[in-house]
Amino acid sequence: MAAMCPRPVVVELVGLFPLFYRLCPKGFDWGAGCAPEWPGQQLRDYPPDVQAQGRLLQDLVQRLVAEFGGRIHPVSVPLASWRGVWLSLRYGIRTGEVVVVAGGRAVRAREGYEAVRAVVAAAVGAE
């Protein structure tokens, strides 16, 4: 009997993001093949706080994917969606925050990569 591959852990990135993050959540180069312009060109039309949040999100996803690879499935969750509203109520997420939810635990991205990594590693290890 062949060994079954475990299903990747869903890692939800919750916040207010520009639309292209929702349309191309697997675009780890954030835009290659997803849109006619690179996200950097699209981001310039957003306010500075949204631009900073976009850079944070991009760095966070790239680091997580580099470390955990196919063991995780990152999904962007807009704060204004039904899922985003539910997660914001459950974890006390405020506008302007990026929160990572994995394995039933949440951590704010501003706490740093090591804090995010610990939550994701625990979720991957629990599967």
Foldseek 3Di string as FASTA:
>chain_A
DDDDDDQAWEKEKEAAAPPQCQQCVPPLQQDVVSDPDHVVVVCVVDDPLNSVVVVLVSVLVNVCCVVCPRNHDYHYDYCPDPVNVVVCVVPVDDHSWIWIDTPNDIDTCVVDNVVVVVRSVVRSVVD
